Amino acid sequence: MGVYVLSPMRLHYSPMDSPTDIRAVQPPPGLTSDPVTLLNLAHREAGASAIVFDYLPAAGQAEFVARLWEGGWHTQVTEGGWFTCKRQAGEIVFVGVRPWVAPEEPMIGPTVGPAHLVAWMLCRWRKATDVHYRHTPGAATVASIRAQPRHKHPKWVLRNANTMDYWEPPTKLVDIHYIGRGGKSHREGHRWDMRSAYLAAMAAAHLPYDKPMPTGGAPFEYGYFRVRLGNPLDRPYWLSRPDRQGTRWMTHEGYQDLIYAPMGEGPRRTDVELIDSITTSDGGRWLRSWAERWRDALLEPRLRAVLKRGYAEAVGLMAVESGGIFRPDVRHIIGQRVAVQIARRAREVKQGTGISPIQINVDSLYYPTTVDVAQVSALIGVGDKIGQMRYEGVQPL
């Protein structure tokens, strides 16, 4: 399976530390203007599965797609400038056209660089993730998640219109956005960010393999819990507002943080009334090995930005029905784990200094400019690993 970037007169590829399955095929003179000829040549002689045109292969997308269909490639326009081409034998080739993609596209966009650099980036992505880049960082990351070897595969899509299998989560959980008392009066504050917060959550979270089912007052471990607090004023930073009945839905990540103290110190509180649940007993850390590989891939400086964008977009795509992984429950669990972890950091600072954050924004904590940075950094867990905190200095709010 090769990766190719086609310039008007030659094929570019990366000879630097490339996977062994990436080779260059020089097209015969005079045939570079025909996209079908080039696609067939690269696919037939070297098994190319990803091809990028560095120039306009046709006057417009409609003409380009029509020519590929005439050549036996069933072509679907996906994201801007990207096409999925299939033949009856089951062959699939992802085709990108650089002049048609958005300027900010991070892998093949015009700002990336010349053709040979695009080829090198695509090769490095293929080696780091085991899948070819296609469409967007998020779409390519979803493909990587699905391709990761594992002893047990989860159910990837929780809704199937053909079988009328309509599964809806009981709530729409959102990322944490907290403004403390008097927080709006501050124009700037010390900021700490959690390193690769969503990737760390994907590695650590226990996730259901299949869809959670109604379990009432006898819940299993993984899924959603509906609770009512006896003391509504005593609530963690991540807790959402209650509904009209005074109850809240949360995932098992939030429920465990609400009920149990860390380090096995016994119950945190006893005023939590379980009202309902939608759960399953079948779960595990089935994203852990994938996340650890992604963590290692982040060490490649040129790929770091697109890899970080990839896993962030992939989490969001889990709530999109048309995506390759439609798991809104997994999206909620990962997001709530991030919220719980960042709130725990704020709780440690509160217990150690008596100071509350002036703002919490997803995976960032803001404190007044008067705090002792060294003291807060020690309490907040500053470090170089994913999931640890990084001090960003004084930032505007």
Protein backbone atom coordinates (compact mmCIF):
# COMPACT_ATOMS: atom_id res chain seq x y z
CA MET A 1 0.00 0.00 0.00
CA GLY A 2 1.75 3.11 -1.22
CA VAL A 3 1.46 6.86 -0.86
CA TYR A 4 2.02 9.06 -3.89
CA VAL A 5 2.00 12.76 -4.66
CA LEU A 6 1.68 13.43 -8.37
CA SER A 7 3.33 16.50 -9.86
CA PRO A 8 2.88 17.37 -13.54
CA MET A 9 5.96 15.41 -14.59
CA ARG A 10 6.81 12.99 -11.80
CA LEU A 11 5.74 11.07 -8.71
CA HIS A 12 7.11 12.18 -5.37
CA TYR A 13 7.62 9.91 -2.40
CA SER A 14 9.64 10.00 0.79
CA PRO A 15 12.87 7.99 0.88
CA MET A 16 13.58 9.06 4.49
CA ASP A 17 12.61 6.39 6.98
CA SER A 18 9.60 5.38 4.92
CA PRO A 19 7.60 2.19 5.36
CA THR A 20 8.90 -0.58 3.11
CA ASP A 21 5.59 -0.71 1.20
CA ILE A 22 6.04 2.81 -0.22
CA ARG A 23 7.68 2.91 -3.64
CA ALA A 24 7.78 5.33 -6.56
CA VAL A 25 6.44 4.54 -10.00
CA GLN A 26 7.55 6.84 -12.81
CA PRO A 27 4.62 7.42 -15.20
CA PRO A 28 5.31 7.12 -18.93
CA PRO A 29 5.86 10.46 -20.69
CA GLY A 30 2.72 12.16 -21.93
CA LEU A 31 0.30 10.36 -19.63
CA THR A 32 0.42 12.69 -16.64
CA SER A 33 -2.64 14.63 -17.78
CA ASP A 34 -5.02 11.67 -17.48
CA PRO A 35 -6.06 10.99 -13.85
CA VAL A 36 -7.40 7.51 -14.62
CA THR A 37 -4.16 6.41 -16.25
CA LEU A 38 -2.12 7.64 -13.30
CA LEU A 39 -4.47 6.12 -10.76
CA ASN A 40 -4.45 2.76 -12.54
CA LEU A 41 -0.69 2.81 -12.95
CA ALA A 42 0.08 3.60 -9.33
CA HIS A 43 -2.53 1.18 -8.01
CA ARG A 44 -1.64 -1.69 -10.35
CA GLU A 45 2.15 -1.54 -10.14
CA ALA A 46 2.59 -0.67 -6.47
CA GLY A 47 -0.77 -1.08 -4.77
CA ALA A 48 -1.22 2.62 -4.08
CA SER A 49 -4.02 3.30 -1.62
CA ALA A 50 -3.55 7.07 -1.28
CA ILE A 51 -2.82 9.41 -4.17
CA VAL A 52 -2.54 13.19 -4.08
CA PHE A 53 -2.52 15.37 -7.19
CA ASP A 54 -0.25 18.38 -6.83
CA TYR A 55 -1.91 20.05 -9.79
CA LEU A 56 -5.40 20.37 -11.34
CA PRO A 57 -6.08 17.04 -13.10
CA ALA A 58 -9.30 18.38 -14.68
CA ALA A 59 -11.09 21.65 -15.30
CA GLY A 60 -13.41 21.05 -12.36
CA GLN A 61 -14.51 18.47 -9.82
CA ALA A 62 -17.50 17.36 -11.89
CA GLU A 63 -15.28 16.61 -14.90
CA PHE A 64 -12.73 14.87 -12.66
CA VAL A 65 -15.35 12.63 -11.05
CA ALA A 66 -16.95 11.85 -14.43
CA ARG A 67 -13.57 10.82 -15.88
CA LEU A 68 -12.87 8.50 -12.95
CA TRP A 69 -16.31 6.89 -13.31
CA GLU A 70 -15.65 6.35 -17.01
CA GLY A 71 -12.40 4.65 -16.05
CA GLY A 72 -14.18 2.15 -13.79
CA TRP A 73 -13.65 3.92 -10.47
CA HIS A 74 -16.86 4.54 -8.53
CA THR A 75 -15.99 7.92 -7.07
CA GLN A 76 -17.58 9.68 -4.11
CA VAL A 77 -16.84 13.29 -3.21
CA THR A 78 -16.18 13.33 0.53
CA GLU A 79 -14.55 16.35 2.17
CA GLY A 80 -13.46 19.31 0.03
CA GLY A 81 -10.74 18.21 -2.35
CA TRP A 82 -10.87 14.53 -1.30
CA PHE A 83 -12.45 11.60 -3.13
CA THR A 84 -13.02 7.95 -2.29
CA CYS A 85 -12.58 5.75 -5.36
CA LYS A 86 -13.75 2.12 -5.42
CA ARG A 87 -13.73 -0.69 -7.97
CA GLN A 88 -15.84 -3.84 -8.05
CA ALA A 89 -12.93 -5.98 -6.90
CA GLY A 90 -13.09 -4.23 -3.53
CA GLU A 91 -10.11 -1.95 -4.15
CA ILE A 92 -10.29 1.46 -2.47
CA VAL A 93 -8.05 4.43 -3.19
CA PHE A 94 -8.23 7.79 -1.39
CA VAL A 95 -7.52 10.64 -3.79
CA GLY A 96 -6.78 14.23 -2.84
CA VAL A 97 -6.36 17.24 -5.13
CA ARG A 98 -4.28 19.96 -3.48
CA PRO A 99 -5.65 22.96 -5.42
CA TRP A 100 -9.17 22.03 -4.31
CA VAL A 101 -8.56 21.66 -0.57
CA ALA A 102 -8.92 24.43 1.99
CA PRO A 103 -5.77 26.52 2.59
CA GLU A 104 -5.64 25.45 6.24
CA GLU A 105 -5.77 21.71 5.46
CA PRO A 106 -2.86 20.46 7.60
CA MET A 107 -1.55 17.54 5.52
CA ILE A 108 -1.87 18.40 1.83
CA GLY A 109 -2.99 22.05 1.89
CA PRO A 110 -1.07 24.67 -0.09
CA THR A 111 0.63 26.02 3.02
CA VAL A 112 2.23 22.66 3.88
CA GLY A 113 4.98 22.99 1.30
CA PRO A 114 6.15 21.46 -1.99
CA ALA A 115 5.10 18.05 -3.24
CA HIS A 116 8.05 16.14 -1.80
CA LEU A 117 7.27 17.49 1.69
CA VAL A 118 3.61 16.49 1.36
CA ALA A 119 4.73 13.00 0.36
CA TRP A 120 7.01 12.83 3.39
CA MET A 121 4.16 13.94 5.70
CA LEU A 122 1.79 11.36 4.25
CA CYS A 123 4.41 8.64 4.61
CA ARG A 124 5.10 9.56 8.22
CA TRP A 125 1.38 9.55 8.99
CA ARG A 126 1.05 6.09 7.43
CA LYS A 127 3.95 4.73 9.44
CA ALA A 128 2.80 6.31 12.71
CA THR A 129 -0.88 5.32 12.49
CA ASP A 130 -1.01 2.21 10.24
CA VAL A 131 -3.65 3.84 8.02
CA HIS A 132 -3.47 6.17 5.06
CA TYR A 133 -4.46 9.76 5.60
CA ARG A 134 -7.78 10.70 4.06
CA HIS A 135 -10.34 13.56 4.08
CA THR A 136 -9.60 15.27 7.44
CA PRO A 137 -7.44 14.61 10.51
CA GLY A 138 -10.56 13.43 12.36
CA ALA A 139 -11.70 11.04 9.64
CA ALA A 140 -8.20 9.57 9.33
CA THR A 141 -8.00 9.17 13.12
CA VAL A 142 -11.36 7.37 13.24
CA ALA A 143 -10.01 4.97 10.61
CA SER A 144 -6.92 4.41 12.76
CA ILE A 145 -9.03 3.63 15.83
CA ARG A 146 -11.06 1.07 13.92
CA ALA A 147 -7.94 -0.54 12.44
CA GLN A 148 -6.17 -0.95 15.80
CA PRO A 149 -5.77 -4.66 16.66
CA ARG A 150 -7.59 -5.62 19.86
CA HIS A 151 -8.76 -8.86 21.42
CA LYS A 152 -12.38 -7.70 21.43
CA HIS A 153 -13.98 -5.16 19.14
CA PRO A 154 -16.63 -2.75 20.41
CA LYS A 155 -19.79 -2.00 18.54
CA TRP A 156 -18.82 0.91 16.32
CA VAL A 157 -22.25 2.29 15.42
CA LEU A 158 -25.15 2.44 17.89
CA ARG A 159 -27.79 3.37 15.36
CA ASN A 160 -28.91 1.37 12.36
CA ALA A 161 -31.76 2.80 10.33
CA ASN A 162 -32.20 -0.48 8.43
CA THR A 163 -33.06 -2.41 11.59
CA MET A 164 -34.83 0.48 13.34
CA ASP A 165 -32.21 0.28 16.07
CA TYR A 166 -32.47 3.86 17.31
CA TRP A 167 -30.38 4.38 20.42
CA GLU A 168 -30.36 7.81 22.02
CA PRO A 169 -28.26 8.92 25.00
CA PRO A 170 -30.39 10.16 27.91
CA THR A 171 -28.66 13.53 27.95
CA LYS A 172 -26.27 15.77 26.03
CA LEU A 173 -23.25 16.32 28.22
CA VAL A 174 -21.04 19.28 27.34
CA ASP A 175 -17.47 20.24 28.14
CA ILE A 176 -16.80 22.03 31.42
CA HIS A 177 -17.06 25.84 31.35
CA TYR A 178 -16.97 27.33 34.84
CA ILE A 179 -16.74 30.97 35.94
CA GLY A 180 -16.04 31.49 39.63
CA ARG A 181 -17.45 34.16 41.86
CA GLY A 182 -16.09 37.46 40.61
CA GLY A 183 -14.45 35.69 37.68
CA LYS A 184 -15.91 38.08 35.11
CA SER A 185 -14.16 41.02 36.77
CA HIS A 186 -10.72 39.60 35.93
CA ARG A 187 -9.15 40.55 32.62
CA GLU A 188 -6.24 38.10 32.88
CA GLY A 189 -5.04 35.23 35.01
CA HIS A 190 -2.40 32.54 35.46
CA ARG A 191 -3.25 29.66 33.16
CA TRP A 192 -2.49 25.95 33.44
CA ASP A 193 -3.40 23.52 30.64
CA MET A 194 -3.73 19.75 30.81
CA ARG A 195 -1.38 18.08 28.34
CA SER A 196 -3.25 16.14 25.64
CA ALA A 197 -6.27 15.99 27.91
CA TYR A 198 -8.56 14.07 25.56
CA LEU A 199 -5.86 11.61 24.56
CA ALA A 200 -5.13 10.93 28.24
CA ALA A 201 -8.84 10.39 28.85
CA MET A 202 -9.10 8.04 25.88
CA ALA A 203 -6.25 5.97 27.32
CA ALA A 204 -7.62 5.80 30.86
CA ALA A 205 -11.41 5.68 30.53
CA HIS A 206 -13.35 2.44 30.88
CA LEU A 207 -15.72 2.37 27.91
CA PRO A 208 -18.75 0.19 27.10
CA TYR A 209 -18.27 -2.33 24.32
CA ASP A 210 -21.95 -2.27 23.42
CA LYS A 211 -24.79 0.14 24.02
CA PRO A 212 -25.90 0.73 27.63
CA MET A 213 -29.42 -0.48 28.42
CA PRO A 214 -32.00 0.66 31.05
CA THR A 215 -31.07 -0.78 34.44
CA GLY A 216 -33.10 1.41 36.83
CA GLY A 217 -31.93 1.30 40.43
CA ALA A 218 -29.64 -1.69 39.92
CA PRO A 219 -26.91 -0.30 37.66
CA PHE A 220 -23.88 -2.03 36.22
CA GLU A 221 -20.49 -0.34 36.05
CA TYR A 222 -20.48 1.56 32.73
CA GLY A 223 -22.92 4.05 31.31
CA TYR A 224 -25.25 6.77 32.59
CA PHE A 225 -26.54 7.53 36.10
CA ARG A 226 -29.37 9.87 37.08
CA VAL A 227 -28.97 11.25 40.60
CA ARG A 228 -30.38 13.79 43.02
CA LEU A 229 -28.14 15.55 45.57
CA GLY A 230 -29.30 16.10 49.12
CA ASN A 231 -27.18 19.25 49.36
CA PRO A 232 -27.34 20.92 45.93
CA LEU A 233 -24.94 23.67 47.01
CA ASP A 234 -22.14 21.17 47.67
CA ARG A 235 -21.22 20.21 44.14
CA PRO A 236 -17.98 19.74 42.15
CA TYR A 237 -16.96 22.19 39.46
CA TRP A 238 -17.90 19.84 36.63
CA LEU A 239 -21.49 19.18 37.74
CA SER A 240 -24.15 20.51 35.38
CA ARG A 241 -27.34 22.28 36.40
CA PRO A 242 -30.25 20.05 37.50
CA ASP A 243 -33.44 19.53 35.54
CA ARG A 244 -36.88 20.55 36.80
CA GLN A 245 -37.03 17.48 39.05
CA GLY A 246 -33.73 18.41 40.67
CA THR A 247 -31.89 15.50 39.04
CA ARG A 248 -28.85 15.22 36.79
CA TRP A 249 -27.64 12.65 34.30
CA MET A 250 -23.93 11.85 34.30
CA THR A 251 -21.62 9.08 33.13
CA HIS A 252 -19.92 6.59 35.42
CA GLU A 253 -16.83 8.83 35.40
CA GLY A 254 -18.81 11.62 37.07
CA TYR A 255 -20.78 9.28 39.33
CA GLN A 256 -17.64 7.68 40.74
CA ASP A 257 -16.05 11.07 41.36
CA LEU A 258 -19.21 12.20 43.12
CA ILE A 259 -19.53 9.11 45.33
CA TYR A 260 -16.02 7.96 46.11
CA ALA A 261 -13.00 9.69 47.59
CA PRO A 262 -9.60 9.15 45.93
CA MET A 263 -7.07 6.59 47.13
CA GLY A 264 -9.72 4.36 48.72
CA GLU A 265 -10.52 6.74 51.56
CA GLY A 266 -14.17 5.69 51.74
CA PRO A 267 -17.33 7.48 50.60
CA ARG A 268 -16.99 11.12 49.63
CA ARG A 269 -20.61 11.90 50.37
CA THR A 270 -23.77 10.04 51.35
CA ASP A 271 -26.43 12.45 50.09
CA VAL A 272 -26.48 11.13 46.51
CA GLU A 273 -29.77 9.45 45.62
CA LEU A 274 -29.73 7.18 42.58
CA ILE A 275 -32.90 7.74 40.55
CA ASP A 276 -32.26 5.83 37.33
CA SER A 277 -29.51 4.30 35.22
CA ILE A 278 -28.70 3.18 31.68
CA THR A 279 -25.65 0.94 31.97
CA THR A 280 -23.84 -2.22 30.93
CA SER A 281 -21.44 -4.61 32.63
CA ASP A 282 -19.38 -5.14 29.48
CA GLY A 283 -16.65 -2.51 29.31
CA GLY A 284 -12.94 -1.95 29.33
CA ARG A 285 -10.10 0.32 28.27
CA TRP A 286 -10.42 -0.59 24.62
CA LEU A 287 -8.87 2.69 23.43
CA ARG A 288 -5.79 2.37 25.65
CA SER A 289 -3.37 0.65 23.26
CA TRP A 290 -4.41 2.95 20.41
CA ALA A 291 -3.96 6.05 22.62
CA GLU A 292 -0.52 4.89 23.74
CA ARG A 293 0.56 4.49 20.12
CA TRP A 294 -0.83 7.95 19.33
CA ARG A 295 1.08 9.34 22.32
CA ASP A 296 4.33 7.95 20.91
CA ALA A 297 3.52 9.34 17.45
CA LEU A 298 3.24 12.84 18.96
CA LEU A 299 7.02 12.79 19.35
CA GLU A 300 7.30 13.53 15.61
CA PRO A 301 7.45 17.36 15.58
CA ARG A 302 6.02 17.86 12.08
CA LEU A 303 3.05 15.59 12.77
CA ARG A 304 2.29 16.78 16.30
CA ALA A 305 -0.23 19.48 15.39
CA VAL A 306 -2.20 17.34 12.94
CA LEU A 307 -2.19 14.34 15.30
CA LYS A 308 -3.52 16.47 18.16
CA ARG A 309 -6.19 17.88 15.88
CA GLY A 310 -6.97 14.35 14.73
CA TYR A 311 -7.86 12.84 18.09
CA ALA A 312 -9.78 15.96 19.16
CA GLU A 313 -11.87 15.82 15.98
CA ALA A 314 -12.33 12.06 16.32
CA VAL A 315 -13.91 12.47 19.76
CA GLY A 316 -16.35 14.98 18.32
CA LEU A 317 -17.14 12.73 15.34
CA MET A 318 -18.25 9.98 17.73
CA ALA A 319 -21.48 11.97 18.16
CA VAL A 320 -22.05 12.24 14.37
CA GLU A 321 -24.35 9.58 12.91
CA SER A 322 -22.62 9.51 9.54
CA GLY A 323 -19.16 8.91 11.01
CA GLY A 324 -17.27 5.65 11.11
CA ILE A 325 -17.73 5.49 14.89
CA PHE A 326 -21.14 6.60 16.13
CA ARG A 327 -20.76 6.24 19.90
CA PRO A 328 -22.23 9.28 21.69
CA ASP A 329 -21.92 7.41 24.98
CA VAL A 330 -18.16 7.06 24.47
CA ARG A 331 -17.96 10.73 23.51
CA HIS A 332 -19.74 11.65 26.76
CA ILE A 333 -17.57 9.40 28.93
CA ILE A 334 -14.31 10.75 27.46
CA GLY A 335 -15.48 14.35 27.78
CA GLN A 336 -16.66 13.88 31.35
CA ARG A 337 -13.42 12.22 32.34
CA VAL A 338 -11.58 15.34 31.13
CA ALA A 339 -13.98 17.51 33.14
CA VAL A 340 -13.58 15.38 36.26
CA GLN A 341 -9.79 15.34 36.02
CA ILE A 342 -9.46 19.10 35.57
CA ALA A 343 -11.92 19.67 38.43
CA ARG A 344 -9.88 17.39 40.67
CA ARG A 345 -6.85 19.57 40.02
CA ALA A 346 -8.86 22.62 41.07
CA ARG A 347 -10.05 20.77 44.17
CA GLU A 348 -6.46 19.99 45.16
CA VAL A 349 -5.55 23.66 44.88
CA LYS A 350 -8.64 24.67 46.85
CA GLN A 351 -7.80 22.27 49.66
CA GLY A 352 -4.16 23.36 49.72
CA THR A 353 -4.54 27.12 49.41
CA GLY A 354 -8.21 27.98 49.88
CA ILE A 355 -8.19 29.61 46.43
CA SER A 356 -10.76 28.73 43.78
CA PRO A 357 -10.18 29.12 40.04
CA ILE A 358 -11.60 32.20 38.40
CA GLN A 359 -12.34 30.17 35.27
CA ILE A 360 -12.26 26.58 34.01
CA ASN A 361 -12.41 26.25 30.24
CA VAL A 362 -12.51 22.60 29.10
CA ASP A 363 -8.92 21.57 29.95
CA SER A 364 -7.57 24.92 31.22
CA LEU A 365 -7.51 26.40 34.73
CA TYR A 366 -7.21 30.13 35.39
CA TYR A 367 -6.21 31.64 38.74
CA PRO A 368 -5.83 35.24 39.94
CA THR A 369 -2.54 36.94 39.15
CA THR A 370 -1.87 37.16 42.90
CA VAL A 371 -1.44 33.40 43.46
CA ASP A 372 1.91 31.78 44.20
CA VAL A 373 2.69 30.06 40.88
CA ALA A 374 5.16 27.59 42.39
CA GLN A 375 2.69 26.53 45.08
CA VAL A 376 -0.19 26.09 42.65
CA SER A 377 2.04 24.21 40.19
CA ALA A 378 3.06 21.77 42.91
CA LEU A 379 -0.56 21.12 43.91
CA ILE A 380 -1.90 21.00 40.38
CA GLY A 381 0.48 18.32 39.11
CA VAL A 382 2.75 20.01 36.58
CA GLY A 383 4.70 17.52 34.47
CA ASP A 384 5.70 16.43 30.94
CA LYS A 385 3.41 13.40 30.51
CA ILE A 386 0.00 13.42 28.89
CA GLY A 387 -2.68 14.15 31.46
CA GLN A 388 -0.33 16.30 33.54
CA MET A 389 -0.52 20.09 33.70
CA ARG A 390 1.57 22.71 31.93
CA TYR A 391 1.95 26.32 33.11
CA GLU A 392 1.18 28.76 30.28
CA GLY A 393 1.89 32.07 32.05
CA VAL A 394 -0.46 35.03 32.47
CA GLN A 395 -3.13 34.94 29.76
CA PRO A 396 -6.08 37.21 28.90
CA LEU A 397 -9.52 35.92 29.83
